[in-house]
Amino acid sequence: MKFSVLVLLFLISVFAFAEVKLPANFKLYRIEVNTFWQTNCYILTGETNKAIIIDPGDELKFIPKEDREIQDRDVYHSTGEHAARIDFIIKKYNITPQMIIYSHGHLDHLSSATMLKEKYKCETVMHKGDVRDGYPKDNRLFDLPLPKVDRTVEDGEIIKLDGMELRVIHTPGHSPGGISLFTTFNGQPYLFSGDTLLYHTTGRTNFKDGSGSDKLLFESITKRLFALPDDTIVFPGHYEYTTIGEEKVSNYVVDSYRKLFAPED
């Protein structure tokens, strides 16, 4: 009986992984969009070159409150320098942007959204956990408001556009509304992990507003992401790509968390 249950669970997991996919002519473009944080923006194109843009950041200029007319807080200004790089790729490859997905609401992942929204009328999408009064949670850190969030998504929801299918995995810890996006291309599993899982490390949790959680981040990674196939290619929010199998054995932050939260394992 126990063996049968395990087989059934295995088959359910296999079907869940295979359920979402990308079309045969899918293309993926990666653009580094912030010099300091080295944020990755991903452009995914489907059957007719319509695009999902994940985490469109920009180069940011810090403006201390003393230099502002209304001296209420320090802010950041999007320079447009790396927004122009995103737009260059869009024009060069005749891409039609349709949707922006924020993996979470931190400023380095969404600062080109205003340009994209104004120019291409993209739908903006994120998890409700990172929405504040209709805007991404770091909206107040900018000198000019970002576009309002058009649609929120939930854990397990499948986002579809132009033959592309992405399964939402809610992965809080780095941010309350952090999400990862799982899909497959020609049988190869892909994961866009935002700042939940990075190459041999994780996103930070020590934010002044208390929105980060070490325990939630550990559980998101070990219970949700490490349940994916080992050969899943991980496209993170910063730095180079990795795989789930690599991170299971080489992620020193997860290993440190394990000693705190699961010492018996």
C-alpha atoms as a PDB file:
ATOM      1  CA  MET A   1       0.000   0.000   0.000  1.00  0.00           C
ATOM      2  CA  LYS A   2       2.811   2.398   0.942  1.00  0.00           C
ATOM      3  CA  PHE A   3       4.589   1.607  -2.340  1.00  0.00           C
ATOM      4  CA  SER A   4       1.403   2.335  -4.319  1.00  0.00           C
ATOM      5  CA  VAL A   5       0.955   5.702  -2.618  1.00  0.00           C
ATOM      6  CA  LEU A   6       4.550   6.655  -3.410  1.00  0.00           C
ATOM      7  CA  VAL A   7       4.119   5.669  -7.047  1.00  0.00           C
ATOM      8  CA  LEU A   8       0.902   7.685  -7.264  1.00  0.00           C
ATOM      9  CA  LEU A   9       2.582  10.753  -5.751  1.00  0.00           C
ATOM     10  CA  PHE A  10       5.470  10.371  -8.175  1.00  0.00           C
ATOM     11  CA  LEU A  11       3.132  10.166 -11.166  1.00  0.00           C
ATOM     12  CA  ILE A  12       1.184  13.213  -9.971  1.00  0.00           C
ATOM     13  CA  SER A  13       4.414  15.189  -9.676  1.00  0.00           C
ATOM     14  CA  VAL A  14       5.579  14.104 -13.138  1.00  0.00           C
ATOM     15  CA  PHE A  15       2.292  15.150 -14.732  1.00  0.00           C
ATOM     16  CA  ALA A  16       2.439  18.488 -12.864  1.00  0.00           C
ATOM     17  CA  PHE A  17       5.931  19.183 -14.230  1.00  0.00           C
ATOM     18  CA  ALA A  18       4.935  18.208 -17.776  1.00  0.00           C
ATOM     19  CA  GLU A  19       1.690  20.151 -17.726  1.00  0.00           C
ATOM     20  CA  VAL A  20       3.238  23.509 -18.579  1.00  0.00           C
ATOM     21  CA  LYS A  21       5.384  24.044 -21.638  1.00  0.00           C
ATOM     22  CA  LEU A  22       6.826  26.513 -24.099  1.00  0.00           C
ATOM     23  CA  PRO A  23       6.230  26.432 -27.880  1.00  0.00           C
ATOM     24  CA  ALA A  24       8.784  24.990 -30.305  1.00  0.00           C
ATOM     25  CA  ASN A  25       9.834  28.427 -31.570  1.00  0.00           C
ATOM     26  CA  PHE A  26      10.217  29.893 -28.062  1.00  0.00           C
ATOM     27  CA  LYS A  27      13.132  32.264 -27.588  1.00  0.00           C
ATOM     28  CA  LEU A  28      14.723  33.592 -24.403  1.00  0.00           C
ATOM     29  CA  TYR A  29      16.709  36.814 -24.059  1.00  0.00           C
ATOM     30  CA  ARG A  30      18.620  37.787 -20.914  1.00  0.00           C
ATOM     31  CA  ILE A  31      19.606  41.396 -20.222  1.00  0.00           C
ATOM     32  CA  GLU A  32      21.555  42.587 -17.195  1.00  0.00           C
ATOM     33  CA  VAL A  33      19.716  45.741 -16.190  1.00  0.00           C
ATOM     34  CA  ASN A  34      21.395  47.192 -13.136  1.00  0.00           C
ATOM     35  CA  THR A  35      25.130  47.691 -12.751  1.00  0.00           C
ATOM     36  CA  PHE A  36      25.206  47.652  -8.939  1.00  0.00           C
ATOM     37  CA  TRP A  37      22.787  44.779  -8.288  1.00  0.00           C
ATOM     38  CA  GLN A  38      23.404  42.949 -11.596  1.00  0.00           C
ATOM     39  CA  THR A  39      19.701  42.242 -11.991  1.00  0.00           C
ATOM     40  CA  ASN A  40      18.578  39.857 -14.725  1.00  0.00           C
ATOM     41  CA  CYS A  41      15.680  40.801 -16.978  1.00  0.00           C
ATOM     42  CA  TYR A  42      14.273  37.996 -19.128  1.00  0.00           C
ATOM     43  CA  ILE A  43      12.266  38.379 -22.335  1.00  0.00           C
ATOM     44  CA  LEU A  44      10.330  35.268 -23.370  1.00  0.00           C
ATOM     45  CA  THR A  45       8.755  35.147 -26.827  1.00  0.00           C
ATOM     46  CA  GLY A  46       6.097  32.745 -28.060  1.00  0.00           C
ATOM     47  CA  GLU A  47       4.520  31.468 -31.249  1.00  0.00           C
ATOM     48  CA  THR A  48       3.974  34.878 -32.890  1.00  0.00           C
ATOM     49  CA  ASN A  49       6.797  36.767 -31.123  1.00  0.00           C
ATOM     50  CA  LYS A  50       4.573  38.179 -28.409  1.00  0.00           C
ATOM     51  CA  ALA A  51       6.524  38.555 -25.211  1.00  0.00           C
ATOM     52  CA  ILE A  52       6.456  38.136 -21.473  1.00  0.00           C
ATOM     53  CA  ILE A  53       9.058  40.317 -19.765  1.00  0.00           C
ATOM     54  CA  ILE A  54      10.195  39.170 -16.331  1.00  0.00           C
ATOM     55  CA  ASP A  55      11.735  41.724 -13.940  1.00  0.00           C
ATOM     56  CA  PRO A  56      12.435  44.756 -16.158  1.00  0.00           C
ATOM     57  CA  GLY A  57      14.859  46.726 -14.003  1.00  0.00           C
ATOM     58  CA  ASP A  58      16.837  49.824 -14.909  1.00  0.00           C
ATOM     59  CA  GLU A  59      19.909  51.768 -13.870  1.00  0.00           C
ATOM     60  CA  LEU A  60      19.014  53.750 -10.752  1.00  0.00           C
ATOM     61  CA  LYS A  61      20.236  57.066  -9.381  1.00  0.00           C
ATOM     62  CA  PHE A  62      19.998  57.650  -5.638  1.00  0.00           C
ATOM     63  CA  ILE A  63      18.559  61.018  -4.608  1.00  0.00           C
ATOM     64  CA  PRO A  64      18.923  61.912  -0.898  1.00  0.00           C
ATOM     65  CA  LYS A  65      15.987  63.723   0.632  1.00  0.00           C
ATOM     66  CA  GLU A  66      18.140  66.834   1.167  1.00  0.00           C
ATOM     67  CA  ASP A  67      18.338  67.254  -2.615  1.00  0.00           C
ATOM     68  CA  ARG A  68      14.580  67.066  -3.122  1.00  0.00           C
ATOM     69  CA  GLU A  69      12.068  69.897  -3.110  1.00  0.00           C
ATOM     70  CA  ILE A  70       9.847  67.892  -0.771  1.00  0.00           C
ATOM     71  CA  GLN A  71      12.345  66.554   1.742  1.00  0.00           C
ATOM     72  CA  ASP A  72      10.256  63.683   3.115  1.00  0.00           C
ATOM     73  CA  ARG A  73      12.418  60.682   2.108  1.00  0.00           C
ATOM     74  CA  ASP A  74      15.340  59.401   0.049  1.00  0.00           C
ATOM     75  CA  VAL A  75      14.282  58.115  -3.378  1.00  0.00           C
ATOM     76  CA  TYR A  76      15.621  56.499  -6.523  1.00  0.00           C
ATOM     77  CA  HIS A  77      15.295  57.780 -10.070  1.00  0.00           C
ATOM     78  CA  SER A  78      15.194  55.438 -13.077  1.00  0.00           C
ATOM     79  CA  THR A  79      17.745  56.809 -15.533  1.00  0.00           C
ATOM     80  CA  GLY A  80      16.331  55.000 -18.561  1.00  0.00           C
ATOM     81  CA  GLU A  81      19.786  53.740 -19.529  1.00  0.00           C
ATOM     82  CA  HIS A  82      18.949  50.070 -19.198  1.00  0.00           C
ATOM     83  CA  ALA A  83      15.320  50.549 -20.169  1.00  0.00           C
ATOM     84  CA  ALA A  84      16.792  51.598 -23.514  1.00  0.00           C
ATOM     85  CA  ARG A  85      18.718  48.303 -23.672  1.00  0.00           C
ATOM     86  CA  ILE A  86      15.472  46.367 -23.184  1.00  0.00           C
ATOM     87  CA  ASP A  87      13.817  48.456 -25.880  1.00  0.00           C
ATOM     88  CA  PHE A  88      16.758  47.842 -28.228  1.00  0.00           C
ATOM     89  CA  ILE A  89      16.227  44.064 -28.000  1.00  0.00           C
ATOM     90  CA  ILE A  90      12.488  44.507 -28.509  1.00  0.00           C
ATOM     91  CA  LYS A  91      13.030  46.503 -31.700  1.00  0.00           C
ATOM     92  CA  LYS A  92      15.945  44.442 -33.030  1.00  0.00           C
ATOM     93  CA  TYR A  93      14.000  41.183 -32.886  1.00  0.00           C
ATOM     94  CA  ASN A  94      10.590  42.640 -33.756  1.00  0.00           C
ATOM     95  CA  ILE A  95       9.145  41.587 -30.401  1.00  0.00           C
ATOM     96  CA  THR A  96       5.654  42.586 -29.249  1.00  0.00           C
ATOM     97  CA  PRO A  97       5.651  42.975 -25.445  1.00  0.00           C
ATOM     98  CA  GLN A  98       2.325  41.966 -23.922  1.00  0.00           C
ATOM     99  CA  MET A  99       2.970  41.230 -20.268  1.00  0.00           C
ATOM    100  CA  ILE A 100       5.337  42.195 -17.455  1.00  0.00           C
ATOM    101  CA  ILE A 101       5.720  39.733 -14.581  1.00  0.00           C
ATOM    102  CA  TYR A 102       7.431  40.898 -11.405  1.00  0.00           C
ATOM    103  CA  SER A 103       9.027  38.033  -9.481  1.00  0.00           C
ATOM    104  CA  HIS A 104       8.668  40.333  -6.465  1.00  0.00           C
ATOM    105  CA  GLY A 105       8.231  43.989  -5.640  1.00  0.00           C
ATOM    106  CA  HIS A 106      11.801  45.221  -5.061  1.00  0.00           C
ATOM    107  CA  LEU A 107      12.936  48.322  -6.899  1.00  0.00           C
ATOM    108  CA  ASP A 108      15.749  46.734  -8.938  1.00  0.00           C
ATOM    109  CA  HIS A 109      13.279  44.354 -10.631  1.00  0.00           C
ATOM    110  CA  LEU A 110      10.658  46.786 -11.869  1.00  0.00           C
ATOM    111  CA  SER A 111      12.191  50.168 -12.659  1.00  0.00           C
ATOM    112  CA  SER A 112      11.775  49.924 -16.468  1.00  0.00           C
ATOM    113  CA  ALA A 113       8.082  49.108 -16.137  1.00  0.00           C
ATOM    114  CA  THR A 114       6.981  52.708 -16.675  1.00  0.00           C
ATOM    115  CA  MET A 115       8.647  52.868 -20.097  1.00  0.00           C
ATOM    116  CA  LEU A 116       7.249  49.490 -21.134  1.00  0.00           C
ATOM    117  CA  LYS A 117       3.757  50.286 -19.908  1.00  0.00           C
ATOM    118  CA  GLU A 118       3.626  53.675 -21.608  1.00  0.00           C
ATOM    119  CA  LYS A 119       5.145  52.502 -24.895  1.00  0.00           C
ATOM    120  CA  TYR A 120       3.661  49.022 -25.276  1.00  0.00           C
ATOM    121  CA  LYS A 121       0.628  48.994 -22.933  1.00  0.00           C
ATOM    122  CA  CYS A 122       1.869  45.806 -21.246  1.00  0.00           C
ATOM    123  CA  GLU A 123      -0.222  44.127 -18.569  1.00  0.00           C
ATOM    124  CA  THR A 124       1.586  44.137 -15.209  1.00  0.00           C
ATOM    125  CA  VAL A 125       1.333  40.977 -13.112  1.00  0.00           C
ATOM    126  CA  MET A 126       2.565  39.959  -9.656  1.00  0.00           C
ATOM    127  CA  HIS A 127       1.569  38.126  -6.476  1.00  0.00           C
ATOM    128  CA  LYS A 128      -0.752  40.058  -4.174  1.00  0.00           C
ATOM    129  CA  GLY A 129       1.691  39.652  -1.282  1.00  0.00           C
ATOM    130  CA  ASP A 130       3.898  42.359  -2.778  1.00  0.00           C
ATOM    131  CA  VAL A 131       1.130  44.785  -3.746  1.00  0.00           C
ATOM    132  CA  ARG A 132       0.622  47.909  -1.642  1.00  0.00           C
ATOM    133  CA  ASP A 133      -2.375  50.147  -2.444  1.00  0.00           C
ATOM    134  CA  GLY A 134      -2.432  48.827  -5.994  1.00  0.00           C
ATOM    135  CA  TYR A 135       1.300  49.321  -6.645  1.00  0.00           C
ATOM    136  CA  PRO A 136       4.426  47.152  -6.276  1.00  0.00           C
ATOM    137  CA  LYS A 137       5.651  47.339  -2.682  1.00  0.00           C
ATOM    138  CA  ASP A 138       8.757  49.448  -3.442  1.00  0.00           C
ATOM    139  CA  ASN A 139       6.809  52.053  -5.386  1.00  0.00           C
ATOM    140  CA  ARG A 140       7.336  54.621  -2.624  1.00  0.00           C
ATOM    141  CA  LEU A 141      11.119  54.371  -3.087  1.00  0.00           C
ATOM    142  CA  PHE A 142      10.864  56.052  -6.504  1.00  0.00           C
ATOM    143  CA  ASP A 143      10.632  59.738  -7.282  1.00  0.00           C
ATOM    144  CA  LEU A 144       7.901  59.028  -9.850  1.00  0.00           C
ATOM    145  CA  PRO A 145       5.134  56.439  -9.399  1.00  0.00           C
ATOM    146  CA  LEU A 146       5.302  53.092 -11.161  1.00  0.00           C
ATOM    147  CA  PRO A 147       2.355  51.712 -13.145  1.00  0.00           C
ATOM    148  CA  LYS A 148      -0.386  50.163 -11.045  1.00  0.00           C
ATOM    149  CA  VAL A 149      -0.518  46.379 -10.928  1.00  0.00           C
ATOM    150  CA  ASP A 150      -3.116  45.170 -13.427  1.00  0.00           C
ATOM    151  CA  ARG A 151      -3.481  41.599 -12.201  1.00  0.00           C
ATOM    152  CA  THR A 152      -2.431  39.484  -9.254  1.00  0.00           C
ATOM    153  CA  VAL A 153      -1.667  35.768  -9.431  1.00  0.00           C
ATOM    154  CA  GLU A 154      -1.853  32.937  -6.915  1.00  0.00           C
ATOM    155  CA  ASP A 155       0.243  29.872  -6.179  1.00  0.00           C
ATOM    156  CA  GLY A 156      -0.393  27.154  -8.751  1.00  0.00           C
ATOM    157  CA  GLU A 157      -1.912  29.492 -11.325  1.00  0.00           C
ATOM    158  CA  ILE A 158      -0.806  28.994 -14.930  1.00  0.00           C
ATOM    159  CA  ILE A 159       0.039  32.163 -16.843  1.00  0.00           C
ATOM    160  CA  LYS A 160      -0.570  31.761 -20.574  1.00  0.00           C
ATOM    161  CA  LEU A 161       0.458  33.933 -23.503  1.00  0.00           C
ATOM    162  CA  ASP A 162       1.145  33.151 -27.180  1.00  0.00           C
ATOM    163  CA  GLY A 163       1.596  29.423 -26.584  1.00  0.00           C
ATOM    164  CA  MET A 164       3.754  29.938 -23.481  1.00  0.00           C
ATOM    165  CA  GLU A 165       2.704  28.462 -20.147  1.00  0.00           C
ATOM    166  CA  LEU A 166       4.292  29.353 -16.807  1.00  0.00           C
ATOM    167  CA  ARG A 167       3.250  27.843 -13.486  1.00  0.00           C
ATOM    168  CA  VAL A 168       3.339  30.220 -10.512  1.00  0.00           C
ATOM    169  CA  ILE A 169       5.098  28.915  -7.392  1.00  0.00           C
ATOM    170  CA  HIS A 170       4.667  31.216  -4.402  1.00  0.00           C
ATOM    171  CA  THR A 171       8.103  31.396  -2.769  1.00  0.00           C
ATOM    172  CA  PRO A 172       8.007  33.941   0.082  1.00  0.00           C
ATOM    173  CA  GLY A 173      10.991  34.689   2.282  1.00  0.00           C
ATOM    174  CA  HIS A 174      13.030  37.237   0.365  1.00  0.00           C
ATOM    175  CA  SER A 175       9.756  39.090  -0.091  1.00  0.00           C
ATOM    176  CA  PRO A 176       6.193  38.238   1.023  1.00  0.00           C
ATOM    177  CA  GLY A 177       4.896  38.046  -2.540  1.00  0.00           C
ATOM    178  CA  GLY A 178       7.916  36.461  -4.141  1.00  0.00           C
ATOM    179  CA  ILE A 179       7.156  33.988  -6.918  1.00  0.00           C
ATOM    180  CA  SER A 180       9.100  31.559  -9.079  1.00  0.00           C
ATOM    181  CA  LEU A 181       7.889  30.519 -12.527  1.00  0.00           C
ATOM    182  CA  PHE A 182       8.192  26.909 -13.731  1.00  0.00           C
ATOM    183  CA  THR A 183       7.861  25.642 -17.277  1.00  0.00           C
ATOM    184  CA  THR A 184       9.369  23.152 -19.745  1.00  0.00           C
ATOM    185  CA  PHE A 185      10.907  23.519 -23.198  1.00  0.00           C
ATOM    186  CA  ASN A 186      11.242  20.362 -25.309  1.00  0.00           C
ATOM    187  CA  GLY A 187      11.061  18.364 -22.088  1.00  0.00           C
ATOM    188  CA  GLN A 188      13.741  20.425 -20.335  1.00  0.00           C
ATOM    189  CA  PRO A 189      12.487  21.967 -17.058  1.00  0.00           C
ATOM    190  CA  TYR A 190      13.079  25.711 -16.608  1.00  0.00           C
ATOM    191  CA  LEU A 191      12.638  27.820 -13.486  1.00  0.00           C
ATOM    192  CA  PHE A 192      12.709  31.601 -13.237  1.00  0.00           C
ATOM    193  CA  SER A 193      13.464  31.939  -9.539  1.00  0.00           C
ATOM    194  CA  GLY A 194      13.561  35.688  -8.922  1.00  0.00           C
ATOM    195  CA  ASP A 195      15.622  36.342  -5.798  1.00  0.00           C
ATOM    196  CA  THR A 196      14.475  33.227  -3.964  1.00  0.00           C
ATOM    197  CA  LEU A 197      17.251  30.978  -5.289  1.00  0.00           C
ATOM    198  CA  LEU A 198      20.508  32.309  -6.732  1.00  0.00           C
ATOM    199  CA  TYR A 199      23.743  30.633  -7.818  1.00  0.00           C
ATOM    200  CA  HIS A 200      25.132  29.034  -4.613  1.00  0.00           C
ATOM    201  CA  THR A 201      23.227  31.548  -2.460  1.00  0.00           C
ATOM    202  CA  THR A 202      19.795  33.089  -1.889  1.00  0.00           C
ATOM    203  CA  GLY A 203      18.180  36.495  -1.763  1.00  0.00           C
ATOM    204  CA  ARG A 204      18.716  38.488   1.421  1.00  0.00           C
ATOM    205  CA  THR A 205      16.126  38.774   4.193  1.00  0.00           C
ATOM    206  CA  ASN A 206      17.458  41.557   6.468  1.00  0.00           C
ATOM    207  CA  PHE A 207      15.228  44.373   5.253  1.00  0.00           C
ATOM    208  CA  LYS A 208      14.493  47.365   7.467  1.00  0.00           C
ATOM    209  CA  ASP A 209      10.741  46.929   7.025  1.00  0.00           C
ATOM    210  CA  GLY A 210      10.879  43.376   8.395  1.00  0.00           C
ATOM    211  CA  SER A 211       9.433  41.876   5.196  1.00  0.00           C
ATOM    212  CA  GLY A 212      12.105  39.172   4.881  1.00  0.00           C
ATOM    213  CA  SER A 213      11.978  35.811   6.635  1.00  0.00           C
ATOM    214  CA  ASP A 214      14.844  33.301   6.832  1.00  0.00           C
ATOM    215  CA  LYS A 215      12.522  30.455   7.787  1.00  0.00           C
ATOM    216  CA  LEU A 216      10.052  31.132   4.974  1.00  0.00           C
ATOM    217  CA  LEU A 217      12.890  31.407   2.482  1.00  0.00           C
ATOM    218  CA  PHE A 218      14.351  28.089   3.622  1.00  0.00           C
ATOM    219  CA  GLU A 219      10.954  26.396   3.356  1.00  0.00           C
ATOM    220  CA  SER A 220      10.245  27.923  -0.067  1.00  0.00           C
ATOM    221  CA  ILE A 221      13.517  26.564  -1.401  1.00  0.00           C
ATOM    222  CA  THR A 222      13.634  23.143   0.249  1.00  0.00           C
ATOM    223  CA  LYS A 223       9.924  22.271   0.126  1.00  0.00           C
ATOM    224  CA  ARG A 224       8.925  23.879  -3.170  1.00  0.00           C
ATOM    225  CA  LEU A 225      11.933  24.419  -5.439  1.00  0.00           C
ATOM    226  CA  PHE A 226      14.014  21.420  -4.380  1.00  0.00           C
ATOM    227  CA  ALA A 227      10.981  19.238  -5.201  1.00  0.00           C
ATOM    228  CA  LEU A 228      11.549  20.063  -8.876  1.00  0.00           C
ATOM    229  CA  PRO A 229      13.677  17.761 -11.074  1.00  0.00           C
ATOM    230  CA  ASP A 230      17.418  18.033 -10.445  1.00  0.00           C
ATOM    231  CA  ASP A 231      18.071  18.951 -14.082  1.00  0.00           C
ATOM    232  CA  THR A 232      15.802  22.006 -13.871  1.00  0.00           C
ATOM    233  CA  ILE A 233      17.748  24.975 -15.251  1.00  0.00           C
ATOM    234  CA  VAL A 234      17.370  27.924 -12.881  1.00  0.00           C
ATOM    235  CA  PHE A 235      17.362  31.444 -14.317  1.00  0.00           C
ATOM    236  CA  PRO A 236      17.775  33.635 -11.216  1.00  0.00           C
ATOM    237  CA  GLY A 237      17.126  37.313 -10.548  1.00  0.00           C
ATOM    238  CA  HIS A 238      20.862  37.991 -10.273  1.00  0.00           C
ATOM    239  CA  TYR A 239      24.122  36.484 -11.525  1.00  0.00           C
ATOM    240  CA  GLU A 240      24.541  33.332 -13.608  1.00  0.00           C
ATOM    241  CA  TYR A 241      22.195  30.430 -14.148  1.00  0.00           C
ATOM    242  CA  THR A 242      22.363  27.189 -12.162  1.00  0.00           C
ATOM    243  CA  THR A 243      20.368  23.980 -11.691  1.00  0.00           C
ATOM    244  CA  ILE A 244      18.255  22.574  -8.890  1.00  0.00           C
ATOM    245  CA  GLY A 245      20.636  19.624  -8.531  1.00  0.00           C
ATOM    246  CA  GLU A 246      23.630  21.948  -8.227  1.00  0.00           C
ATOM    247  CA  GLU A 247      21.953  24.050  -5.539  1.00  0.00           C
ATOM    248  CA  LYS A 248      20.930  21.007  -3.504  1.00  0.00           C
ATOM    249  CA  VAL A 249      24.587  20.172  -2.917  1.00  0.00           C
ATOM    250  CA  SER A 250      26.393  23.532  -3.219  1.00  0.00           C
ATOM    251  CA  ASN A 251      24.211  26.258  -1.718  1.00  0.00           C
ATOM    252  CA  TYR A 252      25.984  27.387   1.449  1.00  0.00           C
ATOM    253  CA  VAL A 253      23.107  29.625   2.594  1.00  0.00           C
ATOM    254  CA  VAL A 254      20.584  26.784   2.400  1.00  0.00           C
ATOM    255  CA  ASP A 255      23.057  24.588   4.284  1.00  0.00           C
ATOM    256  CA  SER A 256      23.306  27.247   7.015  1.00  0.00           C
ATOM    257  CA  TYR A 257      19.527  27.506   7.204  1.00  0.00           C
ATOM    258  CA  ARG A 258      19.254  23.722   7.468  1.00  0.00           C
ATOM    259  CA  LYS A 259      21.384  23.758  10.613  1.00  0.00           C
ATOM    260  CA  LEU A 260      18.994  26.322  12.123  1.00  0.00           C
ATOM    261  CA  PHE A 261      15.628  25.015  11.013  1.00  0.00           C
ATOM    262  CA  ALA A 262      16.103  21.311  10.257  1.00  0.00           C
ATOM    263  CA  PRO A 263      19.159  20.109  12.211  1.00  0.00           C
ATOM    264  CA  GLU A 264      17.833  16.535  12.299  1.00  0.00           C
ATOM    265  CA  ASP A 265      17.930  16.193   8.496  1.00  0.00           C
END
